[in-house]
PDB file of N, CA and C in Angstrom:
ATOM      1  N   MET A   1    -115.459  73.402 124.623  1.00  0.00           N
ATOM      2  CA  MET A   1    -115.810  72.964 123.292  1.00  0.00           C
ATOM      3  C   MET A   1    -117.316  73.061 123.115  1.00  0.00           C
ATOM      4  N   ASP A   2    -117.740  73.561 121.981  1.00  0.00           N
ATOM      5  CA  ASP A   2    -119.156  73.656 121.679  1.00  0.00           C
ATOM      6  C   ASP A   2    -119.696  72.260 121.400  1.00  0.00           C
ATOM      7  N   GLU A   3    -120.671  71.821 122.205  1.00  0.00           N
ATOM      8  CA  GLU A   3    -121.194  70.460 122.090  1.00  0.00           C
ATOM      9  C   GLU A   3    -121.867  70.193 120.755  1.00  0.00           C
ATOM     10  N   LYS A   4    -122.365  71.233 120.095  1.00  0.00           N
ATOM     11  CA  LYS A   4    -123.029  71.053 118.800  1.00  0.00           C
ATOM     12  C   LYS A   4    -122.019  70.647 117.726  1.00  0.00           C
ATOM     13  N   LEU A   5    -120.758  71.030 117.888  1.00  0.00           N
ATOM     14  CA  LEU A   5    -119.729  70.686 116.905  1.00  0.00           C
ATOM     15  C   LEU A   5    -119.428  69.192 116.898  1.00  0.00           C
ATOM     16  N   LEU A   6    -119.676  68.518 118.012  1.00  0.00           N
ATOM     17  CA  LEU A   6    -119.423  67.087 118.103  1.00  0.00           C
ATOM     18  C   LEU A   6    -120.201  66.330 117.027  1.00  0.00           C
ATOM     19  N   TRP A   7    -121.454  66.695 116.800  1.00  0.00           N
ATOM     20  CA  TRP A   7    -122.317  65.986 115.847  1.00  0.00           C
ATOM     21  C   TRP A   7    -121.953  66.260 114.408  1.00  0.00           C
ATOM     22  N   LEU A   8    -121.144  67.281 114.154  1.00  0.00           N
ATOM     23  CA  LEU A   8    -120.754  67.609 112.792  1.00  0.00           C
ATOM     24  C   LEU A   8    -119.598  66.754 112.292  1.00  0.00           C
ATOM     25  N   HIS A   9    -118.906  66.079 113.192  1.00  0.00           N
ATOM     26  CA  HIS A   9    -117.761  65.269 112.787  1.00  0.00           C
ATOM     27  C   HIS A   9    -118.244  63.986 112.126  1.00  0.00           C
ATOM     28  N   LYS A  10    -117.633  63.605 111.024  1.00  0.00           N
ATOM     29  CA  LYS A  10    -118.106  62.448 110.259  1.00  0.00           C
ATOM     30  C   LYS A  10    -117.896  61.118 110.965  1.00  0.00           C
ATOM     31  N   LEU A  11    -117.021  61.057 111.950  1.00  0.00           N
ATOM     32  CA  LEU A  11    -116.786  59.801 112.658  1.00  0.00           C
ATOM     33  C   LEU A  11    -117.710  59.599 113.864  1.00  0.00           C
ATOM     34  N   VAL A  12    -118.525  60.598 114.196  1.00  0.00           N
ATOM     35  CA  VAL A  12    -119.437  60.482 115.336  1.00  0.00           C
ATOM     36  C   VAL A  12    -120.800  60.029 114.815  1.00  0.00           C
ATOM     37  N   PRO A  13    -121.222  58.816 115.177  1.00  0.00           N
ATOM     38  CA  PRO A  13    -122.520  58.330 114.707  1.00  0.00           C
ATOM     39  C   PRO A  13    -123.663  59.052 115.417  1.00  0.00           C
ATOM     40  N   GLY A  14    -124.833  58.992 114.823  1.00  0.00           N
ATOM     41  CA  GLY A  14    -126.003  59.617 115.432  1.00  0.00           C
ATOM     42  C   GLY A  14    -126.458  58.845 116.658  1.00  0.00           C
ATOM     43  N   HIS A  15    -126.848  59.556 117.699  1.00  0.00           N
ATOM     44  CA  HIS A  15    -127.345  58.955 118.931  1.00  0.00           C
ATOM     45  C   HIS A  15    -128.762  59.476 119.159  1.00  0.00           C
ATOM     46  N   ARG A  16    -129.651  58.581 119.589  1.00  0.00           N
ATOM     47  CA  ARG A  16    -131.028  58.978 119.855  1.00  0.00           C
ATOM     48  C   ARG A  16    -131.545  58.181 121.043  1.00  0.00           C
ATOM     49  N   LYS A  17    -132.186  58.889 121.972  1.00  0.00           N
ATOM     50  CA  LYS A  17    -132.786  58.219 123.128  1.00  0.00           C
ATOM     51  C   LYS A  17    -134.102  57.594 122.677  1.00  0.00           C
ATOM     52  N   LEU A  18    -134.302  56.326 123.025  1.00  0.00           N
ATOM     53  CA  LEU A  18    -135.545  55.653 122.695  1.00  0.00           C
ATOM     54  C   LEU A  18    -136.540  55.816 123.843  1.00  0.00           C
ATOM     55  N   GLU A  19    -137.779  56.061 123.485  1.00  0.00           N
ATOM     56  CA  GLU A  19    -138.834  56.081 124.489  1.00  0.00           C
ATOM     57  C   GLU A  19    -139.039  54.643 124.969  1.00  0.00           C
ATOM     58  N   ALA A  20    -139.695  54.474 126.090  1.00  0.00           N
ATOM     59  CA  ALA A  20    -139.865  53.141 126.684  1.00  0.00           C
ATOM     60  C   ALA A  20    -140.534  52.163 125.715  1.00  0.00           C
ATOM     61  N   LYS A  21    -141.577  52.618 125.006  1.00  0.00           N
ATOM     62  CA  LYS A  21    -142.271  51.743 124.046  1.00  0.00           C
ATOM     63  C   LYS A  21    -141.353  51.353 122.893  1.00  0.00           C
ATOM     64  N   GLU A  22    -140.602  52.339 122.384  1.00  0.00           N
ATOM     65  CA  GLU A  22    -139.677  52.075 121.280  1.00  0.00           C
ATOM     66  C   GLU A  22    -138.601  51.077 121.697  1.00  0.00           C
ATOM     67  N   ALA A  23    -138.058  51.269 122.898  1.00  0.00           N
ATOM     68  CA  ALA A  23    -136.999  50.379 123.397  1.00  0.00           C
ATOM     69  C   ALA A  23    -137.537  48.963 123.551  1.00  0.00           C
ATOM     70  N   LYS A  24    -138.736  48.831 124.114  1.00  0.00           N
ATOM     71  CA  LYS A  24    -139.325  47.503 124.312  1.00  0.00           C
ATOM     72  C   LYS A  24    -139.540  46.814 122.973  1.00  0.00           C
ATOM     73  N   SER A  25    -140.013  47.558 121.990  1.00  0.00           N
ATOM     74  CA  SER A  25    -140.259  46.995 120.660  1.00  0.00           C
ATOM     75  C   SER A  25    -138.952  46.578 119.977  1.00  0.00           C
ATOM     76  N   ALA A  26    -137.968  47.487 119.981  1.00  0.00           N
ATOM     77  CA  ALA A  26    -136.688  47.205 119.313  1.00  0.00           C
ATOM     78  C   ALA A  26    -135.975  46.021 119.962  1.00  0.00           C
ATOM     79  N   LEU A  27    -135.955  45.981 121.289  1.00  0.00           N
ATOM     80  CA  LEU A  27    -135.276  44.898 121.988  1.00  0.00           C
ATOM     81  C   LEU A  27    -136.048  43.592 121.863  1.00  0.00           C
ATOM     82  N   GLY A  28    -137.372  43.685 121.770  1.00  0.00           N
ATOM     83  CA  GLY A  28    -138.186  42.494 121.570  1.00  0.00           C
ATOM     84  C   GLY A  28    -137.896  41.837 120.228  1.00  0.00           C
ATOM     85  N   GLU A  29    -137.695  42.653 119.194  1.00  0.00           N
ATOM     86  CA  GLU A  29    -137.359  42.125 117.870  1.00  0.00           C
ATOM     87  C   GLU A  29    -136.010  41.416 117.884  1.00  0.00           C
ATOM     88  N   LEU A  30    -135.099  41.912 118.718  1.00  0.00           N
ATOM     89  CA  LEU A  30    -133.765  41.320 118.816  1.00  0.00           C
ATOM     90  C   LEU A  30    -133.708  40.186 119.845  1.00  0.00           C
ATOM     91  N   ASN A  31    -134.795  40.028 120.599  1.00  0.00           N
ATOM     92  CA  ASN A  31    -134.880  38.990 121.619  1.00  0.00           C
ATOM     93  C   ASN A  31    -133.792  39.149 122.691  1.00  0.00           C
ATOM     94  N   VAL A  32    -133.614  40.389 123.162  1.00  0.00           N
ATOM     95  CA  VAL A  32    -132.663  40.677 124.237  1.00  0.00           C
ATOM     96  C   VAL A  32    -133.337  41.566 125.283  1.00  0.00           C
ATOM     97  N   ARG A  33    -132.794  41.559 126.488  1.00  0.00           N
ATOM     98  CA  ARG A  33    -133.250  42.452 127.545  1.00  0.00           C
ATOM     99  C   ARG A  33    -132.282  43.633 127.618  1.00  0.00           C
ATOM    100  N   ALA A  34    -132.731  44.721 128.172  1.00  0.00           N
ATOM    101  CA  ALA A  34    -131.895  45.923 128.277  1.00  0.00           C
ATOM    102  C   ALA A  34    -130.610  45.636 129.042  1.00  0.00           C
ATOM    103  N   GLU A  35    -130.686  44.763 130.039  1.00  0.00           N
ATOM    104  CA  GLU A  35    -129.506  44.441 130.857  1.00  0.00           C
ATOM    105  C   GLU A  35    -128.429  43.721 130.050  1.00  0.00           C
ATOM    106  N   GLN A  36    -128.799  43.139 128.913  1.00  0.00           N
ATOM    107  CA  GLN A  36    -127.840  42.415 128.080  1.00  0.00           C
ATOM    108  C   GLN A  36    -127.125  43.318 127.071  1.00  0.00           C
ATOM    109  N   LEU A  37    -127.553  44.561 126.971  1.00  0.00           N
ATOM    110  CA  LEU A  37    -126.955  45.480 125.997  1.00  0.00           C
ATOM    111  C   LEU A  37    -125.569  45.938 126.454  1.00  0.00           C
ATOM    112  N   PRO A  38    -124.721  46.306 125.496  1.00  0.00           N
ATOM    113  CA  PRO A  38    -123.460  46.958 125.872  1.00  0.00           C
ATOM    114  C   PRO A  38    -123.766  48.275 126.590  1.00  0.00           C
ATOM    115  N   ARG A  39    -122.898  48.681 127.465  1.00  0.00           N
ATOM    116  CA  ARG A  39    -123.117  49.902 128.259  1.00  0.00           C
ATOM    117  C   ARG A  39    -122.490  51.125 127.598  1.00  0.00           C
ATOM    118  N   ILE A  40    -123.087  52.277 127.919  1.00  0.00           N
ATOM    119  CA  ILE A  40    -122.487  53.561 127.570  1.00  0.00           C
ATOM    120  C   ILE A  40    -122.603  54.427 128.817  1.00  0.00           C
ATOM    121  N   LEU A  41    -121.513  55.078 129.182  1.00  0.00           N
ATOM    122  CA  LEU A  41    -121.488  55.867 130.409  1.00  0.00           C
ATOM    123  C   LEU A  41    -122.270  57.162 130.255  1.00  0.00           C
ATOM    124  N   LEU A  42    -122.888  57.567 131.335  1.00  0.00           N
ATOM    125  CA  LEU A  42    -123.599  58.841 131.380  1.00  0.00           C
ATOM    126  C   LEU A  42    -122.637  59.996 131.134  1.00  0.00           C
ATOM    127  N   SER A  43    -121.356  59.786 131.432  1.00  0.00           N
ATOM    128  CA  SER A  43    -120.334  60.822 131.239  1.00  0.00           C
ATOM    129  C   SER A  43    -119.739  60.818 129.830  1.00  0.00           C
ATOM    130  N   ASP A  44    -120.200  59.912 128.952  1.00  0.00           N
ATOM    131  CA  ASP A  44    -119.706  59.850 127.578  1.00  0.00           C
ATOM    132  C   ASP A  44    -119.985  61.181 126.868  1.00  0.00           C
ATOM    133  N   PRO A  45    -119.025  61.712 126.118  1.00  0.00           N
ATOM    134  CA  PRO A  45    -119.231  63.005 125.449  1.00  0.00           C
ATOM    135  C   PRO A  45    -120.449  63.041 124.528  1.00  0.00           C
ATOM    136  N   ALA A  46    -120.743  61.936 123.872  1.00  0.00           N
ATOM    137  CA  ALA A  46    -121.913  61.904 122.986  1.00  0.00           C
ATOM    138  C   ALA A  46    -123.206  62.018 123.792  1.00  0.00           C
ATOM    139  N   ILE A  47    -123.251  61.381 124.942  1.00  0.00           N
ATOM    140  CA  ILE A  47    -124.441  61.464 125.803  1.00  0.00           C
ATOM    141  C   ILE A  47    -124.568  62.870 126.365  1.00  0.00           C
ATOM    142  N   GLN A  48    -123.450  63.450 126.762  1.00  0.00           N
ATOM    143  CA  GLN A  48    -123.463  64.811 127.297  1.00  0.00           C
ATOM    144  C   GLN A  48    -123.916  65.831 126.254  1.00  0.00           C
ATOM    145  N   ALA A  49    -123.629  65.578 124.983  1.00  0.00           N
ATOM    146  CA  ALA A  49    -123.966  66.533 123.921  1.00  0.00           C
ATOM    147  C   ALA A  49    -125.413  66.413 123.444  1.00  0.00           C
ATOM    148  N   MET A  50    -126.119  65.384 123.886  1.00  0.00           N
ATOM    149  CA  MET A  50    -127.506  65.217 123.453  1.00  0.00           C
ATOM    150  C   MET A  50    -128.393  66.283 124.076  1.00  0.00           C
ATOM    151  N   ASP A  51    -129.406  66.702 123.315  1.00  0.00           N
ATOM    152  CA  ASP A  51    -130.307  67.751 123.790  1.00  0.00           C
ATOM    153  C   ASP A  51    -131.344  67.244 124.791  1.00  0.00           C
ATOM    154  N   GLU A  52    -131.472  65.931 124.904  1.00  0.00           N
ATOM    155  CA  GLU A  52    -132.495  65.346 125.765  1.00  0.00           C
ATOM    156  C   GLU A  52    -131.960  65.059 127.158  1.00  0.00           C
ATOM    157  N   GLU A  53    -132.877  64.922 128.106  1.00  0.00           N
ATOM    158  CA  GLU A  53    -132.527  64.527 129.471  1.00  0.00           C
ATOM    159  C   GLU A  53    -132.255  63.028 129.466  1.00  0.00           C
ATOM    160  N   ILE A  54    -131.029  62.641 129.759  1.00  0.00           N
ATOM    161  CA  ILE A  54    -130.635  61.242 129.751  1.00  0.00           C
ATOM    162  C   ILE A  54    -130.353  60.799 131.185  1.00  0.00           C
ATOM    163  N   GLN A  55    -130.862  59.617 131.539  1.00  0.00           N
ATOM    164  CA  GLN A  55    -130.655  59.064 132.876  1.00  0.00           C
ATOM    165  C   GLN A  55    -130.170  57.636 132.758  1.00  0.00           C
ATOM    166  N   GLY A  56    -129.618  57.123 133.838  1.00  0.00           N
ATOM    167  CA  GLY A  56    -129.223  55.728 133.871  1.00  0.00           C
ATOM    168  C   GLY A  56    -130.424  54.835 133.606  1.00  0.00           C
ATOM    169  N   GLY A  57    -130.239  53.793 132.812  1.00  0.00           N
ATOM    170  CA  GLY A  57    -131.331  52.886 132.479  1.00  0.00           C
ATOM    171  C   GLY A  57    -131.986  53.193 131.148  1.00  0.00           C
ATOM    172  N   ASP A  58    -131.696  54.361 130.562  1.00  0.00           N
ATOM    173  CA  ASP A  58    -132.241  54.700 129.244  1.00  0.00           C
ATOM    174  C   ASP A  58    -131.552  53.867 128.167  1.00  0.00           C
ATOM    175  N   VAL A  59    -132.247  53.641 127.074  1.00  0.00           N
ATOM    176  CA  VAL A  59    -131.683  52.915 125.946  1.00  0.00           C
ATOM    177  C   VAL A  59    -131.412  53.923 124.825  1.00  0.00           C
ATOM    178  N   ILE A  60    -130.199  53.879 124.302  1.00  0.00           N
ATOM    179  CA  ILE A  60    -129.767  54.783 123.238  1.00  0.00           C
ATOM    180  C   ILE A  60    -129.617  53.993 121.945  1.00  0.00           C
ATOM    181  N   GLU A  61    -130.141  54.545 120.853  1.00  0.00           N
ATOM    182  CA  GLU A  61    -129.966  53.949 119.530  1.00  0.00           C
ATOM    183  C   GLU A  61    -128.834  54.690 118.827  1.00  0.00           C
ATOM    184  N   VAL A  62    -127.838  53.958 118.399  1.00  0.00           N
ATOM    185  CA  VAL A  62    -126.688  54.532 117.702  1.00  0.00           C
ATOM    186  C   VAL A  62    -126.796  54.111 116.238  1.00  0.00           C
ATOM    187  N   SER A  63    -126.853  55.092 115.335  1.00  0.00           N
ATOM    188  CA  SER A  63    -126.993  54.767 113.909  1.00  0.00           C
ATOM    189  C   SER A  63    -125.717  55.138 113.172  1.00  0.00           C
ATOM    190  N   ARG A  64    -125.075  54.116 112.634  1.00  0.00           N
ATOM    191  CA  ARG A  64    -123.845  54.307 111.863  1.00  0.00           C
ATOM    192  C   ARG A  64    -124.169  54.066 110.399  1.00  0.00           C
ATOM    193  N   SER A  65    -123.620  54.889 109.535  1.00  0.00           N
ATOM    194  CA  SER A  65    -123.834  54.665 108.103  1.00  0.00           C
ATOM    195  C   SER A  65    -122.511  54.269 107.466  1.00  0.00           C
ATOM    196  N   GLY A  66    -122.585  53.234 106.658  1.00  0.00           N
ATOM    197  CA  GLY A  66    -121.406  52.735 105.970  1.00  0.00           C
ATOM    198  C   GLY A  66    -121.636  52.760 104.473  1.00  0.00           C
ATOM    199  N   GLY A  67    -120.567  52.687 103.715  1.00  0.00           N
ATOM    200  CA  GLY A  67    -120.665  52.746 102.268  1.00  0.00           C
ATOM    201  C   GLY A  67    -121.561  51.690 101.671  1.00  0.00           C
ATOM    202  N   ARG A  68    -121.212  50.440 101.831  1.00  0.00           N
ATOM    203  CA  ARG A  68    -121.988  49.359 101.223  1.00  0.00           C
ATOM    204  C   ARG A  68    -123.051  48.790 102.143  1.00  0.00           C
ATOM    205  N   ALA A  69    -122.842  48.866 103.427  1.00  0.00           N
ATOM    206  CA  ALA A  69    -123.756  48.235 104.377  1.00  0.00           C
ATOM    207  C   ALA A  69    -124.997  49.074 104.647  1.00  0.00           C
ATOM    208  N   GLY A  70    -124.990  50.331 104.295  1.00  0.00           N
ATOM    209  CA  GLY A  70    -126.126  51.197 104.594  1.00  0.00           C
ATOM    210  C   GLY A  70    -126.087  51.640 106.043  1.00  0.00           C
ATOM    211  N   ILE A  71    -127.257  51.711 106.651  1.00  0.00           N
ATOM    212  CA  ILE A  71    -127.346  52.164 108.039  1.00  0.00           C
ATOM    213  C   ILE A  71    -127.381  50.956 108.971  1.00  0.00           C
ATOM    214  N   ASN A  72    -126.520  51.002 109.993  1.00  0.00           N
ATOM    215  CA  ASN A  72    -126.427  49.938 110.982  1.00  0.00           C
ATOM    216  C   ASN A  72    -126.866  50.511 112.325  1.00  0.00           C
ATOM    217  N   LEU A  73    -127.865  49.878 112.951  1.00  0.00           N
ATOM    218  CA  LEU A  73    -128.362  50.340 114.240  1.00  0.00           C
ATOM    219  C   LEU A  73    -127.779  49.488 115.356  1.00  0.00           C
ATOM    220  N   ALA A  74    -127.347  50.151 116.407  1.00  0.00           N
ATOM    221  CA  ALA A  74    -126.842  49.473 117.601  1.00  0.00           C
ATOM    222  C   ALA A  74    -127.544  50.102 118.802  1.00  0.00           C
ATOM    223  N   TYR A  75    -127.642  49.359 119.874  1.00  0.00           N
ATOM    224  CA  TYR A  75    -128.330  49.843 121.067  1.00  0.00           C
ATOM    225  C   TYR A  75    -127.397  49.757 122.261  1.00  0.00           C
ATOM    226  N   ARG A  76    -127.492  50.771 123.136  1.00  0.00           N
ATOM    227  CA  ARG A  76    -126.648  50.843 124.326  1.00  0.00           C
ATOM    228  C   ARG A  76    -127.503  51.185 125.528  1.00  0.00           C
ATOM    229  N   LEU A  77    -127.140  50.652 126.669  1.00  0.00           N
ATOM    230  CA  LEU A  77    -127.809  50.958 127.933  1.00  0.00           C
ATOM    231  C   LEU A  77    -126.978  51.997 128.674  1.00  0.00           C
ATOM    232  N   VAL A  78    -127.602  53.071 129.087  1.00  0.00           N
ATOM    233  CA  VAL A  78    -126.909  54.150 129.804  1.00  0.00           C
ATOM    234  C   VAL A  78    -126.716  53.742 131.257  1.00  0.00           C
ATOM    235  N   VAL A  79    -125.484  53.854 131.737  1.00  0.00           N
ATOM    236  CA  VAL A  79    -125.168  53.552 133.139  1.00  0.00           C
ATOM    237  C   VAL A  79    -124.374  54.712 133.735  1.00  0.00           C
ATOM    238  N   ALA A  80    -124.502  54.876 135.058  1.00  0.00           N
ATOM    239  CA  ALA A  80    -123.769  55.946 135.732  1.00  0.00           C
ATOM    240  C   ALA A  80    -122.276  55.625 135.781  1.00  0.00           C
ATOM    241  N   GLU A  81    -121.916  54.402 136.115  1.00  0.00           N
ATOM    242  CA  GLU A  81    -120.514  53.966 136.127  1.00  0.00           C
ATOM    243  C   GLU A  81    -120.422  52.485 136.152  1.00  0.00           C
TER     244      GLU A  81
END
């Protein structure tokens, strides 16, 4: 399967790797530590389809858009297993 096609599906939210400064700032605003975030596996198809080098311990920003709610941001911690 062509990994670029994954992002074209309307049910797949946007994923973006946060740089260390961005992650610290975003998590600081939420008053949480990276270890408290929900996990996403390194083997997840969305992580595999990303153009960036992703490693365990990285923080991913998931942006979902809804009709009335607008854009909803969620954060996930990448883990090997």
